[in-house]
């Protein structure tokens, strides 16, 4: 297993812990894993998470914007998945972001 694959698996382990109805950011996962400058790598991991039982729809950018939405099947699947969990999304941005933000560094 390469270092990237190992990092991706660690990202998936954290992402699987994000509670229903909560979201986190690529950077928060990277920071929790001790790789604060690797938010983009976390994004790549999410892009490659298909078929791995990873709630990638709960991972957004630091401003609550659904930057990864084009990696989901269908036009608005990421938004629909979030809304089905009670997360309000307006124009690709999560509303009340600070209230539903889950920080793995504080929660784990």
PDB file of N, CA and C in Angstrom:
ATOM      1  N   UNK A   1       0.859  -1.189   0.000  1.00  0.00           N
ATOM      2  CA  UNK A   1       0.000   0.000   0.000  1.00  0.00           C
ATOM      3  C   UNK A   1       0.895   1.239   0.000  1.00  0.00           C
ATOM      4  N   UNK A   2       0.652   2.133  -0.916  1.00  0.00           N
ATOM      5  CA  UNK A   2       1.462   3.353  -0.997  1.00  0.00           C
ATOM      6  C   UNK A   2       1.083   4.305   0.136  1.00  0.00           C
ATOM      7  N   UNK A   3       1.920   5.314   0.345  1.00  0.00           N
ATOM      8  CA  UNK A   3       1.622   6.316   1.367  1.00  0.00           C
ATOM      9  C   UNK A   3       0.315   7.025   1.080  1.00  0.00           C
ATOM     10  N   UNK A   4       0.061   7.328  -0.215  1.00  0.00           N
ATOM     11  CA  UNK A   4      -1.200   7.988  -0.579  1.00  0.00           C
ATOM     12  C   UNK A   4      -2.389   7.106  -0.218  1.00  0.00           C
ATOM     13  N   UNK A   5      -2.309   5.809  -0.555  1.00  0.00           N
ATOM     14  CA  UNK A   5      -3.411   4.897  -0.244  1.00  0.00           C
ATOM     15  C   UNK A   5      -3.617   4.807   1.264  1.00  0.00           C
ATOM     16  N   UNK A   6      -2.539   4.740   2.010  1.00  0.00           N
ATOM     17  CA  UNK A   6      -2.612   4.676   3.465  1.00  0.00           C
ATOM     18  C   UNK A   6      -3.263   5.952   4.009  1.00  0.00           C
ATOM     19  N   UNK A   7      -2.862   7.108   3.476  1.00  0.00           N
ATOM     20  CA  UNK A   7      -3.447   8.380   3.891  1.00  0.00           C
ATOM     21  C   UNK A   7      -4.934   8.386   3.560  1.00  0.00           C
ATOM     22  N   UNK A   8      -5.283   7.940   2.357  1.00  0.00           N
ATOM     23  CA  UNK A   8      -6.686   7.901   1.948  1.00  0.00           C
ATOM     24  C   UNK A   8      -7.492   7.037   2.910  1.00  0.00           C
ATOM     25  N   UNK A   9      -6.965   5.878   3.302  1.00  0.00           N
ATOM     26  CA  UNK A   9      -7.689   5.004   4.233  1.00  0.00           C
ATOM     27  C   UNK A   9      -7.905   5.697   5.577  1.00  0.00           C
ATOM     28  N   UNK A  10      -6.908   6.439   6.040  1.00  0.00           N
ATOM     29  CA  UNK A  10      -7.054   7.194   7.296  1.00  0.00           C
ATOM     30  C   UNK A  10      -8.116   8.274   7.144  1.00  0.00           C
ATOM     31  N   UNK A  11      -8.153   8.933   5.978  1.00  0.00           N
ATOM     32  CA  UNK A  11      -9.187   9.939   5.690  1.00  0.00           C
ATOM     33  C   UNK A  11     -10.566   9.277   5.753  1.00  0.00           C
ATOM     34  N   UNK A  12     -10.703   8.118   5.125  1.00  0.00           N
ATOM     35  CA  UNK A  12     -11.998   7.420   5.101  1.00  0.00           C
ATOM     36  C   UNK A  12     -12.439   7.034   6.511  1.00  0.00           C
ATOM     37  N   UNK A  13     -11.496   6.609   7.341  1.00  0.00           N
ATOM     38  CA  UNK A  13     -11.839   6.252   8.728  1.00  0.00           C
ATOM     39  C   UNK A  13     -12.434   7.449   9.461  1.00  0.00           C
ATOM     40  N   UNK A  14     -11.849   8.626   9.284  1.00  0.00           N
ATOM     41  CA  UNK A  14     -12.362   9.834   9.933  1.00  0.00           C
ATOM     42  C   UNK A  14     -13.718  10.211   9.331  1.00  0.00           C
ATOM     43  N   UNK A  15     -13.812  10.187   8.007  1.00  0.00           N
ATOM     44  CA  UNK A  15     -15.058  10.582   7.347  1.00  0.00           C
ATOM     45  C   UNK A  15     -16.231   9.694   7.781  1.00  0.00           C
ATOM     46  N   UNK A  16     -15.972   8.424   8.016  1.00  0.00           N
ATOM     47  CA  UNK A  16     -17.039   7.507   8.445  1.00  0.00           C
ATOM     48  C   UNK A  16     -17.590   7.877   9.831  1.00  0.00           C
ATOM     49  N   UNK A  17     -16.851   8.676  10.572  1.00  0.00           N
ATOM     50  CA  UNK A  17     -17.267   9.061  11.927  1.00  0.00           C
ATOM     51  C   UNK A  17     -18.088  10.354  11.961  1.00  0.00           C
ATOM     52  N   UNK A  18     -18.187  11.044  10.828  1.00  0.00           N
ATOM     53  CA  UNK A  18     -18.951  12.301  10.790  1.00  0.00           C
ATOM     54  C   UNK A  18     -20.417  11.960  11.073  1.00  0.00           C
ATOM     55  N   UNK A  19     -20.999  12.545  12.100  1.00  0.00           N
ATOM     56  CA  UNK A  19     -22.388  12.204  12.444  1.00  0.00           C
ATOM     57  C   UNK A  19     -23.389  12.627  11.373  1.00  0.00           C
ATOM     58  N   UNK A  20     -24.466  11.886  11.320  1.00  0.00           N
ATOM     59  CA  UNK A  20     -25.592  12.203  10.444  1.00  0.00           C
ATOM     60  C   UNK A  20     -26.033  13.639  10.708  1.00  0.00           C
ATOM     61  N   UNK A  21     -26.242  14.418   9.658  1.00  0.00           N
ATOM     62  CA  UNK A  21     -26.696  15.797   9.814  1.00  0.00           C
ATOM     63  C   UNK A  21     -25.601  16.791  10.148  1.00  0.00           C
ATOM     64  N   UNK A  22     -24.348  16.332  10.148  1.00  0.00           N
ATOM     65  CA  UNK A  22     -23.203  17.208  10.419  1.00  0.00           C
ATOM     66  C   UNK A  22     -22.287  17.212   9.203  1.00  0.00           C
ATOM     67  N   UNK A  23     -21.417  18.201   9.118  1.00  0.00           N
ATOM     68  CA  UNK A  23     -20.436  18.282   8.038  1.00  0.00           C
ATOM     69  C   UNK A  23     -19.086  18.680   8.623  1.00  0.00           C
ATOM     70  N   UNK A  24     -18.053  18.407   7.868  1.00  0.00           N
ATOM     71  CA  UNK A  24     -16.713  18.862   8.227  1.00  0.00           C
ATOM     72  C   UNK A  24     -16.032  19.347   6.961  1.00  0.00           C
ATOM     73  N   UNK A  25     -14.805  19.806   7.107  1.00  0.00           N
ATOM     74  CA  UNK A  25     -14.090  20.325   5.938  1.00  0.00           C
ATOM     75  C   UNK A  25     -12.880  19.447   5.624  1.00  0.00           C
ATOM     76  N   UNK A  26     -12.416  19.591   4.389  1.00  0.00           N
ATOM     77  CA  UNK A  26     -11.219  18.867   3.968  1.00  0.00           C
ATOM     78  C   UNK A  26     -10.060  19.219   4.901  1.00  0.00           C
ATOM     79  N   UNK A  27      -9.935  20.505   5.205  1.00  0.00           N
ATOM     80  CA  UNK A  27      -8.844  20.970   6.059  1.00  0.00           C
ATOM     81  C   UNK A  27      -8.929  20.450   7.480  1.00  0.00           C
ATOM     82  N   UNK A  28     -10.140  20.338   8.022  1.00  0.00           N
ATOM     83  CA  UNK A  28     -10.290  19.836   9.391  1.00  0.00           C
ATOM     84  C   UNK A  28      -9.850  18.379   9.476  1.00  0.00           C
ATOM     85  N   UNK A  29     -10.160  17.598   8.457  1.00  0.00           N
ATOM     86  CA  UNK A  29      -9.712  16.194   8.440  1.00  0.00           C
ATOM     87  C   UNK A  29      -8.196  16.145   8.307  1.00  0.00           C
ATOM     88  N   UNK A  30      -7.643  16.943   7.397  1.00  0.00           N
ATOM     89  CA  UNK A  30      -6.189  16.970   7.201  1.00  0.00           C
ATOM     90  C   UNK A  30      -5.474  17.355   8.495  1.00  0.00           C
ATOM     91  N   UNK A  31      -5.968  18.386   9.152  1.00  0.00           N
ATOM     92  CA  UNK A  31      -5.351  18.851  10.398  1.00  0.00           C
ATOM     93  C   UNK A  31      -5.428  17.765  11.473  1.00  0.00           C
ATOM     94  N   UNK A  32      -6.572  17.105  11.583  1.00  0.00           N
ATOM     95  CA  UNK A  32      -6.736  16.032  12.565  1.00  0.00           C
ATOM     96  C   UNK A  32      -5.725  14.915  12.323  1.00  0.00           C
ATOM     97  N   UNK A  33      -5.444  14.638  11.057  1.00  0.00           N
ATOM     98  CA  UNK A  33      -4.510  13.564  10.707  1.00  0.00           C
ATOM     99  C   UNK A  33      -3.052  14.008  10.771  1.00  0.00           C
ATOM    100  N   UNK A  34      -2.816  15.251  11.233  1.00  0.00           N
ATOM    101  CA  UNK A  34      -1.450  15.741  11.376  1.00  0.00           C
ATOM    102  C   UNK A  34      -0.828  16.174  10.066  1.00  0.00           C
ATOM    103  N   UNK A  35      -1.675  16.473   9.085  1.00  0.00           N
ATOM    104  CA  UNK A  35      -1.196  16.877   7.763  1.00  0.00           C
ATOM    105  C   UNK A  35      -1.935  18.145   7.348  1.00  0.00           C
ATOM    106  N   UNK A  36      -1.831  19.171   8.161  1.00  0.00           N
ATOM    107  CA  UNK A  36      -2.630  20.387   8.006  1.00  0.00           C
ATOM    108  C   UNK A  36      -2.588  20.989   6.606  1.00  0.00           C
ATOM    109  N   UNK A  37      -1.495  20.791   5.880  1.00  0.00           N
ATOM    110  CA  UNK A  37      -1.391  21.391   4.559  1.00  0.00           C
ATOM    111  C   UNK A  37      -1.895  20.444   3.462  1.00  0.00           C
ATOM    112  N   UNK A  38      -2.580  19.396   3.835  1.00  0.00           N
ATOM    113  CA  UNK A  38      -2.994  18.377   2.868  1.00  0.00           C
ATOM    114  C   UNK A  38      -4.497  18.347   2.607  1.00  0.00           C
ATOM    115  N   UNK A  39      -5.161  19.486   2.732  1.00  0.00           N
ATOM    116  CA  UNK A  39      -6.601  19.527   2.479  1.00  0.00           C
ATOM    117  C   UNK A  39      -6.927  19.039   1.064  1.00  0.00           C
ATOM    118  N   UNK A  40      -6.085  19.396   0.096  1.00  0.00           N
ATOM    119  CA  UNK A  40      -6.325  18.961  -1.282  1.00  0.00           C
ATOM    120  C   UNK A  40      -6.235  17.435  -1.392  1.00  0.00           C
ATOM    121  N   UNK A  41      -5.314  16.826  -0.654  1.00  0.00           N
ATOM    122  CA  UNK A  41      -5.204  15.353  -0.653  1.00  0.00           C
ATOM    123  C   UNK A  41      -6.478  14.722  -0.083  1.00  0.00           C
ATOM    124  N   UNK A  42      -7.056  15.356   0.935  1.00  0.00           N
ATOM    125  CA  UNK A  42      -8.313  14.867   1.496  1.00  0.00           C
ATOM    126  C   UNK A  42      -9.394  14.940   0.416  1.00  0.00           C
ATOM    127  N   UNK A  43      -9.395  16.015  -0.358  1.00  0.00           N
ATOM    128  CA  UNK A  43     -10.336  16.144  -1.468  1.00  0.00           C
ATOM    129  C   UNK A  43     -10.156  15.035  -2.479  1.00  0.00           C
ATOM    130  N   UNK A  44      -8.914  14.713  -2.802  1.00  0.00           N
ATOM    131  CA  UNK A  44      -8.652  13.625  -3.746  1.00  0.00           C
ATOM    132  C   UNK A  44      -9.153  12.303  -3.172  1.00  0.00           C
ATOM    133  N   UNK A  45      -8.962  12.116  -1.873  1.00  0.00           N
ATOM    134  CA  UNK A  45      -9.464  10.890  -1.235  1.00  0.00           C
ATOM    135  C   UNK A  45     -10.980  10.811  -1.365  1.00  0.00           C
ATOM    136  N   UNK A  46     -11.657  11.923  -1.114  1.00  0.00           N
ATOM    137  CA  UNK A  46     -13.121  11.926  -1.235  1.00  0.00           C
ATOM    138  C   UNK A  46     -13.543  11.615  -2.673  1.00  0.00           C
ATOM    139  N   UNK A  47     -12.816  12.155  -3.649  1.00  0.00           N
ATOM    140  CA  UNK A  47     -13.132  11.898  -5.054  1.00  0.00           C
ATOM    141  C   UNK A  47     -12.989  10.416  -5.393  1.00  0.00           C
ATOM    142  N   UNK A  48     -12.126   9.724  -4.669  1.00  0.00           N
ATOM    143  CA  UNK A  48     -11.864   8.310  -4.931  1.00  0.00           C
ATOM    144  C   UNK A  48     -12.577   7.379  -3.952  1.00  0.00           C
ATOM    145  N   UNK A  49     -13.557   7.893  -3.229  1.00  0.00           N
ATOM    146  CA  UNK A  49     -14.189   7.103  -2.171  1.00  0.00           C
ATOM    147  C   UNK A  49     -15.376   6.273  -2.643  1.00  0.00           C
ATOM    148  N   UNK A  50     -15.733   6.377  -3.888  1.00  0.00           N
ATOM    149  CA  UNK A  50     -16.891   5.659  -4.415  1.00  0.00           C
ATOM    150  C   UNK A  50     -16.799   4.160  -4.111  1.00  0.00           C
ATOM    151  N   UNK A  51     -17.894   3.604  -3.610  1.00  0.00           N
ATOM    152  CA  UNK A  51     -17.945   2.178  -3.303  1.00  0.00           C
ATOM    153  C   UNK A  51     -17.280   1.786  -2.003  1.00  0.00           C
ATOM    154  N   UNK A  52     -16.899   2.759  -1.176  1.00  0.00           N
ATOM    155  CA  UNK A  52     -16.193   2.457   0.068  1.00  0.00           C
ATOM    156  C   UNK A  52     -17.014   2.778   1.321  1.00  0.00           C
ATOM    157  N   UNK A  53     -18.306   3.003   1.165  1.00  0.00           N
ATOM    158  CA  UNK A  53     -19.146   3.315   2.326  1.00  0.00           C
ATOM    159  C   UNK A  53     -18.606   4.519   3.100  1.00  0.00           C
ATOM    160  N   UNK A  54     -18.265   5.569   2.366  1.00  0.00           N
ATOM    161  CA  UNK A  54     -17.748   6.805   2.962  1.00  0.00           C
ATOM    162  C   UNK A  54     -18.761   7.916   2.689  1.00  0.00           C
ATOM    163  N   UNK A  55     -19.223   8.621   3.734  1.00  0.00           N
ATOM    164  CA  UNK A  55     -20.184   9.711   3.521  1.00  0.00           C
ATOM    165  C   UNK A  55     -19.495  10.979   3.001  1.00  0.00           C
ATOM    166  N   UNK A  56     -18.958  10.889   1.796  1.00  0.00           N
ATOM    167  CA  UNK A  56     -18.189  11.998   1.213  1.00  0.00           C
ATOM    168  C   UNK A  56     -19.023  13.264   1.069  1.00  0.00           C
ATOM    169  N   UNK A  57     -20.339  13.131   1.010  1.00  0.00           N
ATOM    170  CA  UNK A  57     -21.200  14.312   0.878  1.00  0.00           C
ATOM    171  C   UNK A  57     -21.128  15.207   2.110  1.00  0.00           C
ATOM    172  N   UNK A  58     -20.626  14.682   3.223  1.00  0.00           N
ATOM    173  CA  UNK A  58     -20.516  15.462   4.465  1.00  0.00           C
ATOM    174  C   UNK A  58     -19.201  16.228   4.568  1.00  0.00           C
ATOM    175  N   UNK A  59     -18.380  16.184   3.535  1.00  0.00           N
ATOM    176  CA  UNK A  59     -17.091  16.882   3.550  1.00  0.00           C
ATOM    177  C   UNK A  59     -17.136  18.000   2.507  1.00  0.00           C
ATOM    178  N   UNK A  60     -16.945  19.234   2.986  1.00  0.00           N
ATOM    179  CA  UNK A  60     -17.063  20.418   2.138  1.00  0.00           C
ATOM    180  C   UNK A  60     -15.841  21.313   2.338  1.00  0.00           C
ATOM    181  N   UNK A  61     -15.801  22.435   1.648  1.00  0.00           N
ATOM    182  CA  UNK A  61     -14.638  23.310   1.856  1.00  0.00           C
ATOM    183  C   UNK A  61     -14.809  24.125   3.145  1.00  0.00           C
ATOM    184  N   UNK A  62     -13.804  24.891   3.483  1.00  0.00           N
ATOM    185  CA  UNK A  62     -13.784  25.593   4.779  1.00  0.00           C
ATOM    186  C   UNK A  62     -14.852  26.657   4.926  1.00  0.00           C
ATOM    187  N   UNK A  63     -15.497  27.021   3.814  1.00  0.00           N
ATOM    188  CA  UNK A  63     -16.567  28.017   3.865  1.00  0.00           C
ATOM    189  C   UNK A  63     -17.948  27.373   3.766  1.00  0.00           C
ATOM    190  N   UNK A  64     -17.979  26.045   3.728  1.00  0.00           N
ATOM    191  CA  UNK A  64     -19.261  25.349   3.644  1.00  0.00           C
ATOM    192  C   UNK A  64     -19.800  25.233   2.237  1.00  0.00           C
ATOM    193  N   UNK A  65     -18.937  25.379   1.263  1.00  0.00           N
ATOM    194  CA  UNK A  65     -19.365  25.299  -0.143  1.00  0.00           C
ATOM    195  C   UNK A  65     -19.155  23.873  -0.650  1.00  0.00           C
ATOM    196  N   UNK A  66     -20.125  23.383  -1.417  1.00  0.00           N
ATOM    197  CA  UNK A  66     -20.082  22.017  -1.946  1.00  0.00           C
ATOM    198  C   UNK A  66     -19.141  21.946  -3.150  1.00  0.00           C
ATOM    199  N   UNK A  67     -17.858  22.097  -2.901  1.00  0.00           N
ATOM    200  CA  UNK A  67     -16.893  22.134  -3.996  1.00  0.00           C
ATOM    201  C   UNK A  67     -16.718  20.779  -4.669  1.00  0.00           C
ATOM    202  N   UNK A  68     -17.060  19.689  -4.000  1.00  0.00           N
ATOM    203  CA  UNK A  68     -16.892  18.362  -4.587  1.00  0.00           C
ATOM    204  C   UNK A  68     -18.120  17.831  -5.285  1.00  0.00           C
ATOM    205  N   UNK A  69     -19.139  18.643  -5.444  1.00  0.00           N
ATOM    206  CA  UNK A  69     -20.422  18.150  -5.945  1.00  0.00           C
ATOM    207  C   UNK A  69     -20.359  17.559  -7.344  1.00  0.00           C
ATOM    208  N   UNK A  70     -19.435  18.021  -8.179  1.00  0.00           N
ATOM    209  CA  UNK A  70     -19.356  17.496  -9.542  1.00  0.00           C
ATOM    210  C   UNK A  70     -18.796  16.072  -9.587  1.00  0.00           C
ATOM    211  N   UNK A  71     -18.334  15.555  -8.452  1.00  0.00           N
ATOM    212  CA  UNK A  71     -17.838  14.177  -8.394  1.00  0.00           C
ATOM    213  C   UNK A  71     -18.938  13.188  -8.025  1.00  0.00           C
ATOM    214  N   UNK A  72     -20.143  13.677  -7.796  1.00  0.00           N
ATOM    215  CA  UNK A  72     -21.269  12.812  -7.453  1.00  0.00           C
ATOM    216  C   UNK A  72     -22.103  12.546  -8.700  1.00  0.00           C
ATOM    217  N   UNK A  73     -22.679  11.351  -8.761  1.00  0.00           N
ATOM    218  CA  UNK A  73     -23.592  11.020  -9.862  1.00  0.00           C
ATOM    219  C   UNK A  73     -24.776  11.985  -9.817  1.00  0.00           C
ATOM    220  N   UNK A  74     -25.298  12.324 -10.966  1.00  0.00           N
ATOM    221  CA  UNK A  74     -26.473  13.188 -10.989  1.00  0.00           C
ATOM    222  C   UNK A  74     -26.110  14.649 -10.769  1.00  0.00           C
ATOM    223  N   UNK A  75     -27.046  15.504 -11.027  1.00  0.00           N
ATOM    224  CA  UNK A  75     -26.793  16.938 -10.988  1.00  0.00           C
ATOM    225  C   UNK A  75     -26.619  17.474  -9.578  1.00  0.00           C
ATOM    226  N   UNK A  76     -27.514  17.103  -8.670  1.00  0.00           N
ATOM    227  CA  UNK A  76     -27.498  17.675  -7.321  1.00  0.00           C
ATOM    228  C   UNK A  76     -27.449  16.613  -6.230  1.00  0.00           C
ATOM    229  N   UNK A  77     -26.831  15.478  -6.500  1.00  0.00           N
ATOM    230  CA  UNK A  77     -26.861  14.379  -5.533  1.00  0.00           C
ATOM    231  C   UNK A  77     -26.252  14.768  -4.190  1.00  0.00           C
ATOM    232  N   UNK A  78     -25.120  15.455  -4.199  1.00  0.00           N
ATOM    233  CA  UNK A  78     -24.473  15.846  -2.940  1.00  0.00           C
ATOM    234  C   UNK A  78     -25.433  16.712  -2.115  1.00  0.00           C
ATOM    235  N   UNK A  79     -26.040  17.683  -2.764  1.00  0.00           N
ATOM    236  CA  UNK A  79     -26.988  18.566  -2.084  1.00  0.00           C
ATOM    237  C   UNK A  79     -28.198  17.770  -1.583  1.00  0.00           C
ATOM    238  N   UNK A  80     -28.705  16.853  -2.396  1.00  0.00           N
ATOM    239  CA  UNK A  80     -29.873  16.057  -2.001  1.00  0.00           C
ATOM    240  C   UNK A  80     -29.561  15.170  -0.800  1.00  0.00           C
ATOM    241  N   UNK A  81     -28.375  14.580  -0.791  1.00  0.00           N
ATOM    242  CA  UNK A  81     -27.977  13.736   0.347  1.00  0.00           C
ATOM    243  C   UNK A  81     -27.910  14.566   1.630  1.00  0.00           C
ATOM    244  N   UNK A  82     -27.322  15.745   1.539  1.00  0.00           N
ATOM    245  CA  UNK A  82     -27.238  16.621   2.713  1.00  0.00           C
ATOM    246  C   UNK A  82     -28.627  17.050   3.177  1.00  0.00           C
ATOM    247  N   UNK A  83     -29.473  17.460   2.227  1.00  0.00           N
ATOM    248  CA  UNK A  83     -30.810  17.905   2.601  1.00  0.00           C
ATOM    249  C   UNK A  83     -31.624  16.772   3.215  1.00  0.00           C
ATOM    250  N   UNK A  84     -31.388  15.535   2.772  1.00  0.00           N
ATOM    251  CA  UNK A  84     -32.111  14.399   3.365  1.00  0.00           C
ATOM    252  C   UNK A  84     -31.715  14.187   4.825  1.00  0.00           C
ATOM    253  N   UNK A  85     -30.569  14.759   5.226  1.00  0.00           N
ATOM    254  CA  UNK A  85     -30.113  14.685   6.612  1.00  0.00           C
ATOM    255  C   UNK A  85     -30.473  15.952   7.383  1.00  0.00           C
ATOM    256  N   UNK A  86     -31.251  16.833   6.761  1.00  0.00           N
ATOM    257  CA  UNK A  86     -31.678  18.051   7.440  1.00  0.00           C
ATOM    258  C   UNK A  86     -30.724  19.216   7.307  1.00  0.00           C
ATOM    259  N   UNK A  87     -29.725  19.087   6.438  1.00  0.00           N
ATOM    260  CA  UNK A  87     -28.762  20.164   6.221  1.00  0.00           C
ATOM    261  C   UNK A  87     -29.315  21.085   5.135  1.00  0.00           C
ATOM    262  N   UNK A  88     -29.423  22.364   5.457  1.00  0.00           N
ATOM    263  CA  UNK A  88     -29.952  23.328   4.492  1.00  0.00           C
ATOM    264  C   UNK A  88     -28.831  23.830   3.588  1.00  0.00           C
ATOM    265  N   UNK A  89     -29.072  23.737   2.281  1.00  0.00           N
ATOM    266  CA  UNK A  89     -28.101  24.175   1.287  1.00  0.00           C
ATOM    267  C   UNK A  89     -28.776  25.193   0.374  1.00  0.00           C
ATOM    268  N   UNK A  90     -28.148  26.361   0.218  1.00  0.00           N
ATOM    269  CA  UNK A  90     -28.654  27.397  -0.678  1.00  0.00           C
ATOM    270  C   UNK A  90     -27.521  27.786  -1.623  1.00  0.00           C
ATOM    271  N   UNK A  91     -27.764  27.654  -2.924  1.00  0.00           N
ATOM    272  CA  UNK A  91     -26.766  27.997  -3.937  1.00  0.00           C
ATOM    273  C   UNK A  91     -25.408  27.363  -3.636  1.00  0.00           C
ATOM    274  N   UNK A  92     -25.432  26.051  -3.394  1.00  0.00           N
ATOM    275  CA  UNK A  92     -24.225  25.242  -3.147  1.00  0.00           C
ATOM    276  C   UNK A  92     -23.485  25.590  -1.862  1.00  0.00           C
ATOM    277  N   UNK A  93     -24.129  26.312  -0.957  1.00  0.00           N
ATOM    278  CA  UNK A  93     -23.478  26.662   0.307  1.00  0.00           C
ATOM    279  C   UNK A  93     -24.349  26.215   1.471  1.00  0.00           C
ATOM    280  N   UNK A  94     -23.703  25.582   2.441  1.00  0.00           N
ATOM    281  CA  UNK A  94     -24.405  25.112   3.631  1.00  0.00           C
ATOM    282  C   UNK A  94     -24.772  26.301   4.505  1.00  0.00           C
ATOM    283  N   UNK A  95     -26.014  26.319   4.931  1.00  0.00           N
ATOM    284  CA  UNK A  95     -26.503  27.375   5.819  1.00  0.00           C
ATOM    285  C   UNK A  95     -26.240  26.950   7.272  1.00  0.00           C
ATOM    286  N   UNK A  96     -26.038  27.908   8.144  1.00  0.00           N
ATOM    287  CA  UNK A  96     -25.734  27.630   9.564  1.00  0.00           C
ATOM    288  C   UNK A  96     -24.522  26.706   9.694  1.00  0.00           C
ATOM    289  N   UNK A  97     -23.550  26.921   8.833  1.00  0.00           N
ATOM    290  CA  UNK A  97     -22.368  26.060   8.756  1.00  0.00           C
ATOM    291  C   UNK A  97     -21.697  25.875  10.116  1.00  0.00           C
ATOM    292  N   UNK A  98     -21.523  26.982  10.841  1.00  0.00           N
ATOM    293  CA  UNK A  98     -20.828  26.887  12.136  1.00  0.00           C
ATOM    294  C   UNK A  98     -21.603  26.043  13.145  1.00  0.00           C
ATOM    295  N   UNK A  99     -22.919  25.947  12.995  1.00  0.00           N
ATOM    296  CA  UNK A  99     -23.731  25.176  13.938  1.00  0.00           C
ATOM    297  C   UNK A  99     -23.735  23.682  13.655  1.00  0.00           C
ATOM    298  N   UNK A 100     -23.478  23.303  12.414  1.00  0.00           N
ATOM    299  CA  UNK A 100     -23.493  21.871  12.095  1.00  0.00           C
ATOM    300  C   UNK A 100     -22.095  21.352  11.765  1.00  0.00           C
ATOM    301  N   UNK A 101     -21.091  22.218  11.934  1.00  0.00           N
ATOM    302  CA  UNK A 101     -19.710  21.816  11.656  1.00  0.00           C
ATOM    303  C   UNK A 101     -19.222  20.841  12.713  1.00  0.00           C
ATOM    304  N   UNK A 102     -18.655  19.748  12.261  1.00  0.00           N
ATOM    305  CA  UNK A 102     -18.089  18.721  13.140  1.00  0.00           C
ATOM    306  C   UNK A 102     -16.584  18.740  12.989  1.00  0.00           C
ATOM    307  N   UNK A 103     -15.886  19.052  14.075  1.00  0.00           N
ATOM    308  CA  UNK A 103     -14.416  19.129  14.052  1.00  0.00           C
ATOM    309  C   UNK A 103     -13.844  17.859  14.679  1.00  0.00           C
ATOM    310  N   UNK A 104     -13.213  17.006  13.870  1.00  0.00           N
ATOM    311  CA  UNK A 104     -12.695  15.761  14.441  1.00  0.00           C
ATOM    312  C   UNK A 104     -11.668  15.991  15.555  1.00  0.00           C
ATOM    313  N   UNK A 105     -10.951  17.100  15.513  1.00  0.00           N
ATOM    314  CA  UNK A 105      -9.953  17.378  16.553  1.00  0.00           C
ATOM    315  C   UNK A 105     -10.613  17.610  17.913  1.00  0.00           C
ATOM    316  N   UNK A 106     -11.861  18.085  17.907  1.00  0.00           N
ATOM    317  CA  UNK A 106     -12.564  18.349  19.163  1.00  0.00           C
ATOM    318  C   UNK A 106     -13.480  17.203  19.555  1.00  0.00           C
ATOM    319  N   UNK A 107     -13.887  16.390  18.571  1.00  0.00           N
ATOM    320  CA  UNK A 107     -14.873  15.350  18.819  1.00  0.00           C
ATOM    321  C   UNK A 107     -14.263  13.966  19.027  1.00  0.00           C
ATOM    322  N   UNK A 108     -13.039  13.757  18.542  1.00  0.00           N
ATOM    323  CA  UNK A 108     -12.426  12.413  18.644  1.00  0.00           C
ATOM    324  C   UNK A 108     -11.308  12.388  19.653  1.00  0.00           C
TER     325      UNK A 108
END
